[in-house]
């Protein structure tokens, strides 16, 4: 009997959710996953995340959109958005000016 999909004491649907989360985290990385988690699950603002030492609010906004795009690609939903490319270009240009 194959028990590779089972986690002792955890309902199958919850175990599957945990596997999906681990897959997303592996694909997009810990930093982007943390930004998604704090923004989507906890509802924190980018200003709040910045106050916790996660980076500048503008950079967090760019990373958030990039994380959304990466998650969508992980699930085969779509390619990288043009908006993220423009924001990243602007962010790089702004950082170079500092």
Foldseek 3Di string as FASTA:
>chain_A
DDCVQPDPPDDSVVSVVVVLLVLLCVQLHDLLSVLCCCCPVVVDALVVVVVVVSDHSLVSVLSPLVSVQSSCVSVPNDHRDPVSVVSVVVVVVVVVVD
